[in-house]
Amino acid sequence: MPYSTSPMECRFNCGACCVALSISSYIPGLPGGKLAGVRCIHLMDDYKCSIYSDPDKPKVCSDFNAEPEFCGSSREEAMKILYSLSS
């Protein structure tokens, strides 16, 4: 099934990008970044980012846009896709 080309909103209760991806740049509280597969310390229990509006959040986080190519159709699919990009 082809993906829609319309803009995608972040999926409710997902946070896959905050777990699956590695971040090598500074994150507040994690100056050395985080490894792929490690939950970001700023990912809250409701899978929202506690520093989403913070100007100090990493550029990689600011630049990441939810897209079907990366996020698939479920959190589980997003995790698989994003893990495959980190390996």
C-alpha atoms as a PDB file:
ATOM      1  CA  MET A   1       0.000   0.000   0.000  1.00  0.00           C
ATOM      2  CA  PRO A   2       1.534   3.371  -0.971  1.00  0.00           C
ATOM      3  CA  TYR A   3       2.049   5.988   1.701  1.00  0.00           C
ATOM      4  CA  SER A   4       0.219   9.310   1.641  1.00  0.00           C
ATOM      5  CA  THR A   5       2.204  12.347   0.554  1.00  0.00           C
ATOM      6  CA  SER A   6       0.396  14.684   2.967  1.00  0.00           C
ATOM      7  CA  PRO A   7       2.254  15.916   6.072  1.00  0.00           C
ATOM      8  CA  MET A   8       2.233  13.452   8.948  1.00  0.00           C
ATOM      9  CA  GLU A   9       1.764  14.334  12.607  1.00  0.00           C
ATOM     10  CA  CYS A  10       3.727  12.509  15.290  1.00  0.00           C
ATOM     11  CA  ARG A  11       1.842   9.393  16.314  1.00  0.00           C
ATOM     12  CA  PHE A  12       0.190   9.437  19.753  1.00  0.00           C
ATOM     13  CA  ASN A  13       2.053   7.134  22.198  1.00  0.00           C
ATOM     14  CA  CYS A  14       4.973   6.477  19.847  1.00  0.00           C
ATOM     15  CA  GLY A  15       8.334   8.037  20.732  1.00  0.00           C
ATOM     16  CA  ALA A  16      10.154   5.534  18.496  1.00  0.00           C
ATOM     17  CA  CYS A  17      12.589   8.203  17.288  1.00  0.00           C
ATOM     18  CA  CYS A  18      13.494   8.968  20.926  1.00  0.00           C
ATOM     19  CA  VAL A  19      14.515   5.351  21.495  1.00  0.00           C
ATOM     20  CA  ALA A  20      15.679   3.784  18.241  1.00  0.00           C
ATOM     21  CA  LEU A  21      17.934   6.537  16.913  1.00  0.00           C
ATOM     22  CA  SER A  22      21.389   7.376  18.197  1.00  0.00           C
ATOM     23  CA  ILE A  23      22.168  11.005  18.966  1.00  0.00           C
ATOM     24  CA  SER A  24      25.854  11.880  18.969  1.00  0.00           C
ATOM     25  CA  SER A  25      25.402  15.546  19.833  1.00  0.00           C
ATOM     26  CA  TYR A  26      24.795  17.214  23.176  1.00  0.00           C
ATOM     27  CA  ILE A  27      21.437  16.599  24.849  1.00  0.00           C
ATOM     28  CA  PRO A  28      20.614  18.497  28.071  1.00  0.00           C
ATOM     29  CA  GLY A  29      21.545  16.032  30.810  1.00  0.00           C
ATOM     30  CA  LEU A  30      23.412  13.787  28.351  1.00  0.00           C
ATOM     31  CA  PRO A  31      26.408  15.776  27.074  1.00  0.00           C
ATOM     32  CA  GLY A  32      27.691  12.822  25.039  1.00  0.00           C
ATOM     33  CA  GLY A  33      24.347  12.043  23.423  1.00  0.00           C
ATOM     34  CA  LYS A  34      22.699   8.619  23.521  1.00  0.00           C
ATOM     35  CA  LEU A  35      23.109   5.263  21.828  1.00  0.00           C
ATOM     36  CA  ALA A  36      20.567   3.683  19.483  1.00  0.00           C
ATOM     37  CA  GLY A  37      18.111   1.598  21.489  1.00  0.00           C
ATOM     38  CA  VAL A  38      18.528   3.679  24.637  1.00  0.00           C
ATOM     39  CA  ARG A  39      15.463   5.613  25.724  1.00  0.00           C
ATOM     40  CA  CYS A  40      16.157   9.347  25.842  1.00  0.00           C
ATOM     41  CA  ILE A  41      15.955  10.707  29.383  1.00  0.00           C
ATOM     42  CA  HIS A  42      13.555  13.383  28.112  1.00  0.00           C
ATOM     43  CA  LEU A  43      10.986  10.906  26.775  1.00  0.00           C
ATOM     44  CA  MET A  44       8.137  10.990  29.270  1.00  0.00           C
ATOM     45  CA  ASP A  45       5.856   8.089  30.206  1.00  0.00           C
ATOM     46  CA  ASP A  46       3.228   9.377  27.753  1.00  0.00           C
ATOM     47  CA  TYR A  47       5.893   9.234  24.981  1.00  0.00           C
ATOM     48  CA  LYS A  48       6.103  13.007  24.645  1.00  0.00           C
ATOM     49  CA  CYS A  49       9.391  14.904  24.758  1.00  0.00           C
ATOM     50  CA  SER A  50       9.858  17.005  27.885  1.00  0.00           C
ATOM     51  CA  ILE A  51      12.238  19.373  26.032  1.00  0.00           C
ATOM     52  CA  TYR A  52      10.290  19.584  22.777  1.00  0.00           C
ATOM     53  CA  SER A  53      10.014  23.395  23.003  1.00  0.00           C
ATOM     54  CA  ASP A  54      13.475  23.891  24.512  1.00  0.00           C
ATOM     55  CA  PRO A  55      15.861  25.757  22.194  1.00  0.00           C
ATOM     56  CA  ASP A  56      18.701  23.576  23.575  1.00  0.00           C
ATOM     57  CA  LYS A  57      17.264  20.324  22.264  1.00  0.00           C
ATOM     58  CA  PRO A  58      19.553  18.655  19.713  1.00  0.00           C
ATOM     59  CA  LYS A  59      19.368  19.864  16.119  1.00  0.00           C
ATOM     60  CA  VAL A  60      18.835  16.284  14.974  1.00  0.00           C
ATOM     61  CA  CYS A  61      15.641  16.216  17.051  1.00  0.00           C
ATOM     62  CA  SER A  62      14.473  19.576  15.712  1.00  0.00           C
ATOM     63  CA  ASP A  63      15.173  18.473  12.147  1.00  0.00           C
ATOM     64  CA  PHE A  64      13.440  15.093  12.409  1.00  0.00           C
ATOM     65  CA  ASN A  65       9.999  15.125  10.805  1.00  0.00           C
ATOM     66  CA  ALA A  66       7.457  12.374  11.166  1.00  0.00           C
ATOM     67  CA  GLU A  67       7.108  10.777   7.731  1.00  0.00           C
ATOM     68  CA  PRO A  68       5.518   7.482   6.715  1.00  0.00           C
ATOM     69  CA  GLU A  69       8.877   6.386   5.233  1.00  0.00           C
ATOM     70  CA  PHE A  70      10.410   6.442   8.725  1.00  0.00           C
ATOM     71  CA  CYS A  71       7.364   6.054  10.972  1.00  0.00           C
ATOM     72  CA  GLY A  72       5.409   3.394   9.106  1.00  0.00           C
ATOM     73  CA  SER A  73       1.870   2.708  10.241  1.00  0.00           C
ATOM     74  CA  SER A  74       2.500   1.832  13.915  1.00  0.00           C
ATOM     75  CA  ARG A  75       5.004   2.366  16.726  1.00  0.00           C
ATOM     76  CA  GLU A  76       6.281  -1.182  16.209  1.00  0.00           C
ATOM     77  CA  GLU A  77       6.854  -0.577  12.506  1.00  0.00           C
ATOM     78  CA  ALA A  78       8.564   2.761  13.268  1.00  0.00           C
ATOM     79  CA  MET A  79      10.917   1.014  15.705  1.00  0.00           C
ATOM     80  CA  LYS A  80      11.870  -1.580  13.065  1.00  0.00           C
ATOM     81  CA  ILE A  81      12.448   1.049  10.377  1.00  0.00           C
ATOM     82  CA  LEU A  82      14.430   3.384  12.618  1.00  0.00           C
ATOM     83  CA  TYR A  83      16.530   0.546  14.105  1.00  0.00           C
ATOM     84  CA  SER A  84      17.423  -0.517  10.567  1.00  0.00           C
ATOM     85  CA  LEU A  85      18.722   3.006   9.893  1.00  0.00           C
ATOM     86  CA  SER A  86      20.869   2.961  13.038  1.00  0.00           C
ATOM     87  CA  SER A  87      22.661  -0.293  12.223  1.00  0.00           C
END
